[in-house]
C-alpha atoms as a PDB file:
ATOM      1  CA  MET A   1    -195.142 184.732 -34.555  1.00  0.00           C
ATOM      2  CA  ASN A   2    -192.227 186.667 -36.013  1.00  0.00           C
ATOM      3  CA  THR A   3    -188.656 185.590 -35.391  1.00  0.00           C
ATOM      4  CA  LYS A   4    -185.453 187.516 -35.971  1.00  0.00           C
ATOM      5  CA  LEU A   5    -183.281 186.333 -38.874  1.00  0.00           C
ATOM      6  CA  THR A   6    -179.746 187.339 -39.783  1.00  0.00           C
ATOM      7  CA  LEU A   7    -178.755 187.290 -43.453  1.00  0.00           C
ATOM      8  CA  ASN A   8    -175.438 187.885 -45.195  1.00  0.00           C
ATOM      9  CA  ILE A   9    -176.104 189.900 -48.336  1.00  0.00           C
ATOM     10  CA  GLU A  10    -173.899 192.046 -50.557  1.00  0.00           C
ATOM     11  CA  GLN A  11    -173.763 195.625 -49.286  1.00  0.00           C
ATOM     12  CA  GLU A  12    -174.832 197.179 -52.606  1.00  0.00           C
ATOM     13  CA  LEU A  13    -177.804 194.830 -52.834  1.00  0.00           C
ATOM     14  CA  ILE A  14    -178.882 195.830 -49.322  1.00  0.00           C
ATOM     15  CA  LYS A  15    -178.774 199.505 -50.331  1.00  0.00           C
ATOM     16  CA  THR A  16    -180.855 198.759 -53.410  1.00  0.00           C
ATOM     17  CA  ALA A  17    -183.357 196.685 -51.419  1.00  0.00           C
ATOM     18  CA  LYS A  18    -183.733 199.382 -48.750  1.00  0.00           C
ATOM     19  CA  LYS A  19    -184.333 202.019 -51.415  1.00  0.00           C
ATOM     20  CA  TYR A  20    -186.871 199.756 -53.134  1.00  0.00           C
ATOM     21  CA  ALA A  21    -188.693 199.117 -49.851  1.00  0.00           C
ATOM     22  CA  LYS A  22    -188.709 202.807 -48.919  1.00  0.00           C
ATOM     23  CA  GLU A  23    -190.155 203.781 -52.313  1.00  0.00           C
ATOM     24  CA  ARG A  24    -193.012 201.354 -51.659  1.00  0.00           C
ATOM     25  CA  GLN A  25    -193.440 202.429 -48.037  1.00  0.00           C
ATOM     26  CA  GLN A  26    -192.561 198.947 -46.775  1.00  0.00           C
ATOM     27  CA  SER A  27    -190.025 197.658 -44.342  1.00  0.00           C
ATOM     28  CA  LEU A  28    -187.219 195.527 -45.676  1.00  0.00           C
ATOM     29  CA  SER A  29    -188.477 192.692 -43.476  1.00  0.00           C
ATOM     30  CA  SER A  30    -191.958 192.799 -45.000  1.00  0.00           C
ATOM     31  CA  LEU A  31    -190.431 192.958 -48.472  1.00  0.00           C
ATOM     32  CA  VAL A  32    -188.381 189.798 -47.839  1.00  0.00           C
ATOM     33  CA  GLN A  33    -191.340 188.069 -46.205  1.00  0.00           C
ATOM     34  CA  ASN A  34    -193.593 188.861 -49.170  1.00  0.00           C
ATOM     35  CA  PHE A  35    -190.931 187.624 -51.566  1.00  0.00           C
ATOM     36  CA  PHE A  36    -190.921 184.210 -49.907  1.00  0.00           C
ATOM     37  CA  LYS A  37    -194.724 184.125 -49.869  1.00  0.00           C
ATOM     38  CA  VAL A  38    -194.719 184.704 -53.615  1.00  0.00           C
ATOM     39  CA  LEU A  39    -192.172 181.914 -54.110  1.00  0.00           C
ATOM     40  CA  GLU A  40    -194.348 179.571 -52.075  1.00  0.00           C
ATOM     41  CA  LEU A  41    -197.424 180.465 -54.161  1.00  0.00           C
ATOM     42  CA  GLU A  42    -195.544 179.913 -57.402  1.00  0.00           C
ATOM     43  CA  ASP A  43    -194.441 176.474 -56.197  1.00  0.00           C
ATOM     44  CA  LYS A  44    -198.015 175.551 -55.338  1.00  0.00           C
ATOM     45  CA  GLN A  45    -199.238 176.752 -58.742  1.00  0.00           C
ATOM     46  CA  GLN A  46    -196.554 174.698 -60.508  1.00  0.00           C
ATOM     47  CA  GLU A  47    -197.757 171.609 -58.651  1.00  0.00           C
ATOM     48  CA  LYS A  48    -201.296 172.218 -59.958  1.00  0.00           C
ATOM     49  CA  ILE A  49    -200.224 172.261 -63.617  1.00  0.00           C
ATOM     50  CA  LYS A  50    -201.150 168.957 -65.206  1.00  0.00           C
ATOM     51  CA  ILE A  51    -199.388 167.681 -68.296  1.00  0.00           C
ATOM     52  CA  SER A  52    -201.594 165.907 -70.804  1.00  0.00           C
ATOM     53  CA  HIS A  53    -200.948 162.232 -71.489  1.00  0.00           C
ATOM     54  CA  GLU A  54    -200.037 163.013 -75.119  1.00  0.00           C
ATOM     55  CA  LEU A  55    -197.466 165.613 -74.109  1.00  0.00           C
ATOM     56  CA  GLU A  56    -196.050 163.305 -71.474  1.00  0.00           C
ATOM     57  CA  GLU A  57    -195.522 160.624 -74.149  1.00  0.00           C
ATOM     58  CA  LEU A  58    -193.573 163.105 -76.303  1.00  0.00           C
ATOM     59  CA  SER A  59    -191.279 163.997 -73.437  1.00  0.00           C
ATOM     60  CA  GLY A  60    -187.737 162.829 -74.072  1.00  0.00           C
ATOM     61  CA  ILE A  61    -188.123 161.676 -77.691  1.00  0.00           C
ATOM     62  CA  ILE A  62    -185.709 164.322 -78.976  1.00  0.00           C
ATOM     63  CA  LYS A  63    -182.126 163.676 -77.965  1.00  0.00           C
ATOM     64  CA  LEU A  64    -179.712 166.601 -78.095  1.00  0.00           C
ATOM     65  CA  ASP A  65    -175.953 166.655 -77.686  1.00  0.00           C
ATOM     66  CA  ASN A  66    -174.736 167.679 -74.244  1.00  0.00           C
ATOM     67  CA  ASP A  67    -172.996 170.724 -75.734  1.00  0.00           C
ATOM     68  CA  TYR A  68    -176.112 171.921 -77.642  1.00  0.00           C
ATOM     69  CA  ASP A  69    -176.642 175.628 -76.989  1.00  0.00           C
ATOM     70  CA  TYR A  70    -180.289 176.468 -77.668  1.00  0.00           C
ATOM     71  CA  LYS A  71    -179.671 180.182 -77.053  1.00  0.00           C
ATOM     72  CA  GLU A  72    -176.984 180.280 -79.717  1.00  0.00           C
ATOM     73  CA  ASP A  73    -179.198 178.308 -82.082  1.00  0.00           C
ATOM     74  CA  TYR A  74    -182.125 180.692 -81.492  1.00  0.00           C
ATOM     75  CA  LYS A  75    -179.866 183.728 -81.943  1.00  0.00           C
ATOM     76  CA  ASN A  76    -178.692 182.348 -85.295  1.00  0.00           C
ATOM     77  CA  HIS A  77    -182.301 181.691 -86.307  1.00  0.00           C
ATOM     78  CA  ILE A  78    -183.286 185.307 -85.542  1.00  0.00           C
ATOM     79  CA  ILE A  79    -180.249 186.701 -87.378  1.00  0.00           C
ATOM     80  CA  GLU A  80    -181.071 184.571 -90.420  1.00  0.00           C
ATOM     81  CA  LYS A  81    -184.766 185.446 -90.281  1.00  0.00           C
ATOM     82  CA  TYR A  82    -184.255 189.226 -90.163  1.00  0.00           C
ATOM     83  CA  SER A  83    -181.162 189.537 -92.351  1.00  0.00           C
END
């Protein structure tokens, strides 16, 4: 059974979503509904992923500072690698 839902969304995002739905010959409601179905499926798939015992034992053995920025570190690695 379908039920009406009211959402507060940025006006520009609504325009973009309506255009996206129209290009795919879908209603905005079906687009939103399908989005949540996909999220639900992804959650279920994540639950199915099993971590091996060995990997679980390794979890948490590396301690990093709270201010460690892995993106900055990776960026520096790439710059160094290709310079």
